[in-house]
Amino acid sequence: MAVPFLGADLLRGELVRLTRPIDADYAEIARWSLDMEYQRLLRKSMVYPSNEAETASWLGKVDEYEFAPFSIRTLVEDRLIGFLAIKDIFWQARHCMFFISIGLDADRGKGYGTDAVRVMLKYCFWEMNMNRVGLEVMLYNDAARRSYEKVGFTAEGTLRQLVYRDGVYYDVLLMSMLRPEWEARYGEDSRRRG
């Protein structure tokens, strides 16, 4: 049975599309880094504001064999709202990790991140031919954890007291999704949407 060719829909979901970051994106992403709460939801390490050049250097290092960054843009307004990156790509064992960030508080909780993760999974499983996609999330980031669970990620372990914030050590939860789990959950519907 022939399956439909996705064409441009490969990187498109119901709310967002993923694009390669462009020069104009780096200034906006650097501005987001001025928000320490935003950084503390994204980073495990010590937080510190970035400038445009540092952001461009970091997200501009496209190496499809090790690191593939994407800008997240709304479908309706074509507005930059976040970014994600596929990283730690192990081609032989067919697995990778990723991280995602929605820049402004006003854009969080609207389903953009969940939709972007679904699109990224479609890309990982059907374009990159991955078997496992993993992530790490700080245990205090309840909204992100709930979003990953909604998409279908499974908790598989804990890195105990890995993150230090305001005098407290926090655990980091490891989560993953396997290709057969994704196919069982989304099936043919994933050919039409992220």
Protein backbone atom coordinates (compact mmCIF):
# COMPACT_ATOMS: atom_id res chain seq x y z
CA MET A 1 0.00 0.00 0.00
CA ALA A 2 1.44 3.34 -1.00
CA VAL A 3 1.58 6.00 1.68
CA PRO A 4 0.96 9.66 0.92
CA PHE A 5 4.02 11.80 0.36
CA LEU A 6 4.18 14.51 3.03
CA GLY A 7 6.01 17.15 1.03
CA ALA A 8 5.81 20.52 2.80
CA ASP A 9 3.69 19.03 5.61
CA LEU A 10 6.70 17.22 7.07
CA LEU A 11 7.56 20.26 9.24
CA ARG A 12 4.01 21.55 9.72
CA GLY A 13 1.59 20.86 12.56
CA GLU A 14 -1.84 22.19 13.42
CA LEU A 15 -0.57 25.40 15.06
CA VAL A 16 3.10 25.77 14.15
CA ARG A 17 5.75 24.95 11.63
CA LEU A 18 9.45 24.32 12.14
CA THR A 19 11.97 26.27 10.08
CA ARG A 20 15.71 26.68 9.98
CA PRO A 21 16.68 29.64 12.18
CA ILE A 22 17.40 32.81 10.22
CA ASP A 23 19.58 35.75 11.22
CA ALA A 24 16.56 37.82 12.30
CA ASP A 25 15.57 35.10 14.84
CA TYR A 26 18.77 35.36 16.89
CA ALA A 27 18.07 38.83 18.29
CA GLU A 28 14.61 37.78 19.51
CA ILE A 29 15.89 34.54 21.05
CA ALA A 30 18.67 36.51 22.81
CA ARG A 31 16.01 38.89 24.23
CA TRP A 32 14.17 35.90 25.72
CA SER A 33 17.34 34.99 27.62
CA LEU A 34 17.00 38.18 29.69
CA ASP A 35 14.05 36.52 31.49
CA MET A 36 15.63 34.44 34.26
CA GLU A 37 12.46 32.38 34.86
CA TYR A 38 12.48 31.44 31.17
CA GLN A 39 16.13 30.40 31.41
CA ARG A 40 15.55 28.38 34.57
CA LEU A 41 12.83 26.38 32.80
CA LEU A 42 15.15 25.69 29.87
CA ARG A 43 18.65 25.24 31.29
CA LYS A 44 20.05 22.84 33.85
CA SER A 45 23.23 24.86 34.32
CA MET A 46 23.84 28.31 35.73
CA VAL A 47 21.73 30.91 33.94
CA TYR A 48 23.18 34.00 32.34
CA PRO A 49 21.76 36.34 29.67
CA SER A 50 23.01 35.81 26.11
CA ASN A 51 23.58 38.35 23.39
CA GLU A 52 22.70 38.05 19.73
CA ALA A 53 26.21 36.94 18.65
CA GLU A 54 26.33 34.17 21.29
CA THR A 55 22.86 32.98 20.31
CA ALA A 56 23.78 32.96 16.61
CA SER A 57 26.96 31.02 17.36
CA TRP A 58 25.04 28.44 19.41
CA LEU A 59 21.96 27.94 17.20
CA GLY A 60 23.81 28.62 13.95
CA LYS A 61 25.94 25.50 14.32
CA VAL A 62 23.77 23.35 12.11
CA ASP A 63 25.40 19.95 11.89
CA GLU A 64 22.71 17.54 10.81
CA TYR A 65 24.82 14.68 12.08
CA GLU A 66 24.98 16.00 15.65
CA PHE A 67 22.80 19.12 16.14
CA ALA A 68 19.75 20.30 14.19
CA PRO A 69 18.13 23.53 15.47
CA PHE A 70 14.68 24.76 14.40
CA SER A 71 12.75 27.97 14.90
CA ILE A 72 9.10 27.52 15.87
CA ARG A 73 6.75 29.80 13.94
CA THR A 74 2.97 30.16 14.18
CA LEU A 75 1.04 29.08 11.10
CA VAL A 76 -1.43 31.95 11.21
CA GLU A 77 0.93 34.91 11.77
CA ASP A 78 4.29 33.36 10.83
CA ARG A 79 5.54 34.73 14.17
CA LEU A 80 8.64 33.38 15.92
CA ILE A 81 7.53 31.95 19.27
CA GLY A 82 10.28 29.52 20.22
CA PHE A 83 12.96 27.11 19.16
CA LEU A 84 13.88 23.49 19.53
CA ALA A 85 16.96 21.47 18.72
CA ILE A 86 17.57 17.82 18.05
CA LYS A 87 20.88 16.92 19.67
CA ASP A 88 23.05 14.03 20.80
CA ILE A 89 22.24 12.13 17.61
CA PHE A 90 23.52 8.56 17.65
CA TRP A 91 23.04 7.27 14.11
CA GLN A 92 24.19 3.70 14.69
CA ALA A 93 21.68 3.08 17.51
CA ARG A 94 19.06 5.42 15.94
CA HIS A 95 18.39 7.65 18.92
CA CYS A 96 18.60 11.33 19.79
CA MET A 97 17.66 13.87 22.44
CA PHE A 98 15.97 17.26 22.08
CA PHE A 99 15.11 20.42 23.97
CA ILE A 100 12.41 23.00 23.32
CA SER A 101 11.64 26.51 24.46
CA ILE A 102 8.65 28.82 24.04
CA GLY A 103 10.02 32.34 24.46
CA LEU A 104 7.29 34.52 25.92
CA ASP A 105 5.07 33.67 28.86
CA ALA A 106 2.06 34.90 26.84
CA ASP A 107 2.68 32.13 24.27
CA ARG A 108 2.97 29.31 26.80
CA GLY A 109 0.02 27.10 27.65
CA LYS A 110 -1.58 27.55 24.21
CA GLY A 111 -0.51 24.22 22.71
CA TYR A 112 2.33 25.58 20.59
CA GLY A 113 5.02 23.56 22.34
CA THR A 114 2.99 20.35 22.28
CA ASP A 115 2.32 20.80 18.55
CA ALA A 116 5.99 21.57 17.86
CA VAL A 117 7.08 18.40 19.68
CA ARG A 118 4.63 16.33 17.59
CA VAL A 119 6.07 17.84 14.41
CA MET A 120 9.62 17.20 15.62
CA LEU A 121 8.76 13.55 16.35
CA LYS A 122 7.36 13.14 12.84
CA TYR A 123 10.64 14.52 11.51
CA CYS A 124 12.77 12.32 13.79
CA PHE A 125 10.94 9.09 13.01
CA TRP A 126 10.18 9.54 9.30
CA GLU A 127 13.00 11.75 8.04
CA MET A 128 15.89 10.81 10.33
CA ASN A 129 14.71 7.21 10.84
CA MET A 130 15.23 7.37 14.61
CA ASN A 131 13.99 4.59 16.88
CA ARG A 132 14.08 6.54 20.17
CA VAL A 133 13.71 10.23 21.00
CA GLY A 134 14.55 11.35 24.53
CA LEU A 135 14.52 14.44 26.68
CA GLU A 136 15.38 15.73 30.14
CA VAL A 137 13.02 17.95 32.13
CA MET A 138 13.53 19.56 35.52
CA LEU A 139 11.05 18.10 37.98
CA TYR A 140 9.87 21.61 38.94
CA ASN A 141 8.76 22.29 35.34
CA ASP A 142 5.28 20.78 35.70
CA ALA A 143 3.84 22.36 32.55
CA ALA A 144 6.57 20.89 30.34
CA ARG A 145 6.29 17.46 31.95
CA ARG A 146 2.51 17.43 31.42
CA SER A 147 2.98 18.47 27.79
CA TYR A 148 5.46 15.64 27.16
CA GLU A 149 3.11 13.14 28.79
CA LYS A 150 0.24 14.45 26.63
CA VAL A 151 2.30 13.80 23.50
CA GLY A 152 3.07 10.27 24.74
CA PHE A 153 6.51 10.37 26.33
CA THR A 154 7.22 7.84 29.09
CA ALA A 155 9.22 8.57 32.24
CA GLU A 156 12.16 6.21 32.38
CA GLY A 157 14.40 7.46 35.16
CA THR A 158 15.55 10.28 37.40
CA LEU A 159 18.84 12.09 37.71
CA ARG A 160 18.77 12.89 41.38
CA GLN A 161 19.59 16.40 42.66
CA LEU A 162 21.17 17.44 39.36
CA VAL A 163 19.95 21.06 39.22
CA TYR A 164 20.65 23.71 41.87
CA ARG A 165 18.23 26.62 42.25
CA ASP A 166 17.95 29.06 45.16
CA GLY A 167 19.59 26.78 47.70
CA VAL A 168 17.64 23.67 46.67
CA TYR A 169 18.73 20.67 44.59
CA TYR A 170 16.16 19.39 42.11
CA ASP A 171 15.83 16.11 40.23
CA VAL A 172 15.75 15.87 36.44
CA LEU A 173 13.33 13.43 34.86
CA LEU A 174 14.41 11.39 31.83
CA MET A 175 11.64 10.67 29.31
CA SER A 176 11.50 9.02 25.92
CA MET A 177 9.28 7.82 23.13
CA LEU A 178 10.03 4.84 20.90
CA ARG A 179 9.03 4.72 17.26
CA PRO A 180 6.57 1.82 17.74
CA GLU A 181 4.89 3.78 20.57
CA TRP A 182 4.59 6.83 18.32
CA GLU A 183 3.20 4.81 15.42
CA ALA A 184 0.65 3.08 17.70
CA ARG A 185 -0.43 6.44 19.13
CA TYR A 186 -0.57 8.53 15.95
CA GLY A 187 -0.74 5.95 13.14
CA GLU A 188 -1.93 7.19 9.78
CA ASP A 189 -3.17 10.42 11.38
CA SER A 190 0.46 11.55 11.71
CA ARG A 191 0.71 11.66 7.92
CA ARG A 192 -1.85 14.43 7.88
CA ARG A 193 -0.72 16.37 10.95
CA GLY A 194 2.15 16.61 13.42
